[in-house]
Amino acid sequence: MGMKSSGVQNTLATRVDLSGTGVHSGKPVSISLLPADVDTGIVFQRCDLPSDQQHDIPALVTSIGATDLCTVLGEPSGVHVMTVEHLMAALVALHVDNVIVEVDSAEIPVMDGSSEVFVEAIDQAGLEQQNRPRRYLRVLREVRFDMGPCWGMFLPHETTRYEVEIDFEEEIIGRQKFSSNLTPDVFRKELSRARTFGFMKDVERYWAAGFALGSSLDNSVVICDDNNIINPEGLRYKDEFVRHKTLDAVGDLALAGSQILGCYKSYRGGHKLNALALQALLSDSSNYEWTDVPVVGRPASRVELMAVSGPAYSADKS
């Protein structure tokens, strides 16, 4: 089902239920996406907890509790929800403004390691337009955040745009760049199916730290020590690695609470850098403005790709 962008808020036309496995907990997880009233935003609710512990966790940068390997909303030692980024990316890219996400665990299911299942669920439910203008966050001036050799930067731009570059010493990844304006169509075709990835050499360390207990070839692209991909089906895109990093950035920046009118550029980024760059943007009100002026209708720009092989720096694995 195709969905047209408009200047008004959207919610889901009907409830949708999904179930899968938590990539870090390894446990079964079920979630429900529920229609919500105007100006609700995206809100997570832990329906597995006793009623006196239940409270709304808004999908906002102020709710970020941790950014190690995934984005955590809420208090990591208390009520929280992990691994929200792939769902958040699908919701914001497909222009779902208001939704309640009920989850019966501390983690959103990883599904196949991408946003594809969430996109299919949203398309199946359909969108319902609401009688309230959509709010956009417009970038007014350049804001850059550096973290060692890694950096993230916001620039004024008339639409929502991403220019993400990764730079891995592993030859199978190397240096890759993905650049495109973000539209629902671009997200569906160019980003939504890109899976999370990791290295066999890191697995034991993650397990010891209690991470990646549910990781498998069904939900991750795994690179072994001889610089080859273990997954028998190979890659979904030639440059799936940078496309997934872009997908993560879309999900992480969705925590602005609205669609961003501006260009986000990053080099060797991860969840932590994305969150810190977004916090830097929002730390000074002269960096941005809120507006209900919708995106100017124009054909989506051609997706621009760059892949440069060769060792460089060891990338931020977060």
Foldseek 3Di string as FASTA:
>chain_A
DDDDDDQFAKAFQAKFKDWAAFQLQRHIKIKMKGTDDPPQFEWEWAPQDDPVQIDIFHLALVQFQDFPLWTWGHHPVGQIATRCQQLLLLCQLRRHGDIYMYMNDNYDHCQQQFNQVSNVRRVVRDMDGDDGGAKEKFFDAKFKDDDPPKIKIWHGALAEKEWEWEAAQQQLQGIKIWIWGGHSVCCNPPARPQGAEDEPVCVVVSVVVSTRPNPDLSGYFYAYPVSDTPNPVDGPDSNSHRSHQVSSLSRLLCSNSHHYRTYMYIYLDGSVNSSVRSCRQVVDPVRIDMDSDDRDDDDIDDIDIDGDGHHDDHGDSD
